[in-house]
């Protein structure tokens, strides 16, 4: 996850001051905006890898669920057979 975004702090400060902000406030907002934009953003490759991992986990979960359902059905069938023999 390494996609950098260009942010022109000088232009931001100039526009903010022109819009009526105090220079100190404009510089503060420029620093905060620049810091926020420097965080790592997820790329399409990152999202594709995540999707692949999630699909693998879903398949595994479905397989485990099916194992438990089949085992429960076998146990239930055994119980039914035992009860029929007792009656």
C-alpha atoms as a PDB file:
ATOM      1  CA  UNK A   1       0.000   0.000   0.000  1.00  0.00           C
ATOM      2  CA  UNK A   2       2.166   2.789  -1.183  1.00  0.00           C
ATOM      3  CA  UNK A   3       0.531   5.304  -3.420  1.00  0.00           C
ATOM      4  CA  UNK A   4       1.711   8.853  -2.839  1.00  0.00           C
ATOM      5  CA  UNK A   5      -0.525  11.838  -3.443  1.00  0.00           C
ATOM      6  CA  UNK A   6       0.906  15.205  -4.413  1.00  0.00           C
ATOM      7  CA  UNK A   7      -0.392  18.050  -2.259  1.00  0.00           C
ATOM      8  CA  UNK A   8       0.793  21.604  -2.894  1.00  0.00           C
ATOM      9  CA  UNK A   9       0.837  23.166   0.565  1.00  0.00           C
ATOM     10  CA  UNK A  10       2.029  26.530  -0.731  1.00  0.00           C
ATOM     11  CA  UNK A  11      -0.932  26.828  -3.085  1.00  0.00           C
ATOM     12  CA  UNK A  12      -3.298  25.657  -0.346  1.00  0.00           C
ATOM     13  CA  UNK A  13      -2.001  28.300   2.089  1.00  0.00           C
ATOM     14  CA  UNK A  14      -2.139  31.018  -0.585  1.00  0.00           C
ATOM     15  CA  UNK A  15      -5.736  30.122  -1.522  1.00  0.00           C
ATOM     16  CA  UNK A  16      -6.791  29.947   2.124  1.00  0.00           C
ATOM     17  CA  UNK A  17      -5.286  33.338   2.902  1.00  0.00           C
ATOM     18  CA  UNK A  18      -6.953  34.777  -0.219  1.00  0.00           C
ATOM     19  CA  UNK A  19     -10.246  33.330   1.030  1.00  0.00           C
ATOM     20  CA  UNK A  20      -9.899  35.181   4.322  1.00  0.00           C
ATOM     21  CA  UNK A  21      -8.105  32.780   6.649  1.00  0.00           C
ATOM     22  CA  UNK A  22      -5.302  34.010   8.873  1.00  0.00           C
ATOM     23  CA  UNK A  23      -1.873  32.778   7.672  1.00  0.00           C
ATOM     24  CA  UNK A  24      -1.350  30.758  10.870  1.00  0.00           C
ATOM     25  CA  UNK A  25      -4.705  29.020  10.432  1.00  0.00           C
ATOM     26  CA  UNK A  26      -4.010  28.359   6.752  1.00  0.00           C
ATOM     27  CA  UNK A  27      -0.625  26.838   7.616  1.00  0.00           C
ATOM     28  CA  UNK A  28      -2.235  24.676  10.319  1.00  0.00           C
ATOM     29  CA  UNK A  29      -4.852  23.323   7.904  1.00  0.00           C
ATOM     30  CA  UNK A  30      -2.222  22.761   5.216  1.00  0.00           C
ATOM     31  CA  UNK A  31      -0.087  20.706   7.630  1.00  0.00           C
ATOM     32  CA  UNK A  32      -3.072  18.635   8.732  1.00  0.00           C
ATOM     33  CA  UNK A  33      -4.270  18.051   5.161  1.00  0.00           C
ATOM     34  CA  UNK A  34      -0.759  17.108   4.031  1.00  0.00           C
ATOM     35  CA  UNK A  35      -0.379  14.652   6.913  1.00  0.00           C
ATOM     36  CA  UNK A  36      -3.779  13.091   6.176  1.00  0.00           C
ATOM     37  CA  UNK A  37      -2.869  12.610   2.525  1.00  0.00           C
ATOM     38  CA  UNK A  38       0.466  10.979   3.393  1.00  0.00           C
ATOM     39  CA  UNK A  39      -1.235   7.936   4.899  1.00  0.00           C
ATOM     40  CA  UNK A  40      -1.043   4.751   2.880  1.00  0.00           C
ATOM     41  CA  UNK A  41      -3.989   4.248   0.593  1.00  0.00           C
ATOM     42  CA  UNK A  42      -5.179   0.859  -0.594  1.00  0.00           C
ATOM     43  CA  UNK A  43      -4.470   0.194  -4.257  1.00  0.00           C
ATOM     44  CA  UNK A  44      -6.451  -2.025  -6.625  1.00  0.00           C
ATOM     45  CA  UNK A  45      -3.795  -4.702  -6.146  1.00  0.00           C
ATOM     46  CA  UNK A  46      -4.269  -4.512  -2.376  1.00  0.00           C
ATOM     47  CA  UNK A  47      -8.028  -4.854  -2.732  1.00  0.00           C
ATOM     48  CA  UNK A  48      -7.663  -7.785  -5.155  1.00  0.00           C
ATOM     49  CA  UNK A  49      -5.360  -9.576  -2.703  1.00  0.00           C
ATOM     50  CA  UNK A  50      -7.825  -8.961   0.130  1.00  0.00           C
ATOM     51  CA  UNK A  51     -10.696 -10.258  -1.986  1.00  0.00           C
ATOM     52  CA  UNK A  52      -8.716 -13.400  -2.797  1.00  0.00           C
ATOM     53  CA  UNK A  53      -7.939 -14.040   0.879  1.00  0.00           C
ATOM     54  CA  UNK A  54     -11.570 -13.484   1.856  1.00  0.00           C
ATOM     55  CA  UNK A  55     -12.798 -15.867  -0.833  1.00  0.00           C
ATOM     56  CA  UNK A  56     -10.377 -18.514   0.438  1.00  0.00           C
ATOM     57  CA  UNK A  57     -11.642 -18.032   3.989  1.00  0.00           C
ATOM     58  CA  UNK A  58     -15.260 -18.268   2.829  1.00  0.00           C
ATOM     59  CA  UNK A  59     -14.573 -21.527   0.997  1.00  0.00           C
ATOM     60  CA  UNK A  60     -12.835 -22.920   4.077  1.00  0.00           C
ATOM     61  CA  UNK A  61     -15.727 -21.865   6.318  1.00  0.00           C
ATOM     62  CA  UNK A  62     -18.260 -23.466   3.968  1.00  0.00           C
ATOM     63  CA  UNK A  63     -16.246 -26.702   3.932  1.00  0.00           C
ATOM     64  CA  UNK A  64     -16.053 -26.772   7.743  1.00  0.00           C
ATOM     65  CA  UNK A  65     -19.784 -26.096   8.009  1.00  0.00           C
ATOM     66  CA  UNK A  66     -20.570 -28.907   5.588  1.00  0.00           C
ATOM     67  CA  UNK A  67     -18.386 -31.300   7.637  1.00  0.00           C
ATOM     68  CA  UNK A  68     -20.341 -30.481  10.784  1.00  0.00           C
ATOM     69  CA  UNK A  69     -23.692 -30.813   9.029  1.00  0.00           C
ATOM     70  CA  UNK A  70     -22.756 -34.215   7.578  1.00  0.00           C
ATOM     71  CA  UNK A  71     -21.479 -35.432  10.951  1.00  0.00           C
ATOM     72  CA  UNK A  72     -24.699 -34.241  12.615  1.00  0.00           C
ATOM     73  CA  UNK A  73     -26.800 -36.029   9.984  1.00  0.00           C
ATOM     74  CA  UNK A  74     -24.837 -39.257  10.485  1.00  0.00           C
ATOM     75  CA  UNK A  75     -25.257 -38.998  14.265  1.00  0.00           C
ATOM     76  CA  UNK A  76     -28.959 -38.309  13.836  1.00  0.00           C
ATOM     77  CA  UNK A  77     -29.330 -41.319  11.527  1.00  0.00           C
ATOM     78  CA  UNK A  78     -27.519 -43.490  14.066  1.00  0.00           C
ATOM     79  CA  UNK A  79     -29.817 -42.257  16.813  1.00  0.00           C
ATOM     80  CA  UNK A  80     -32.895 -42.988  14.707  1.00  0.00           C
ATOM     81  CA  UNK A  81     -31.624 -46.514  13.947  1.00  0.00           C
ATOM     82  CA  UNK A  82     -30.920 -47.144  17.648  1.00  0.00           C
ATOM     83  CA  UNK A  83     -34.377 -45.908  18.656  1.00  0.00           C
ATOM     84  CA  UNK A  84     -36.070 -48.036  15.998  1.00  0.00           C
ATOM     85  CA  UNK A  85     -34.239 -51.140  17.263  1.00  0.00           C
ATOM     86  CA  UNK A  86     -35.318 -50.391  20.826  1.00  0.00           C
ATOM     87  CA  UNK A  87     -38.976 -50.055  19.887  1.00  0.00           C
END
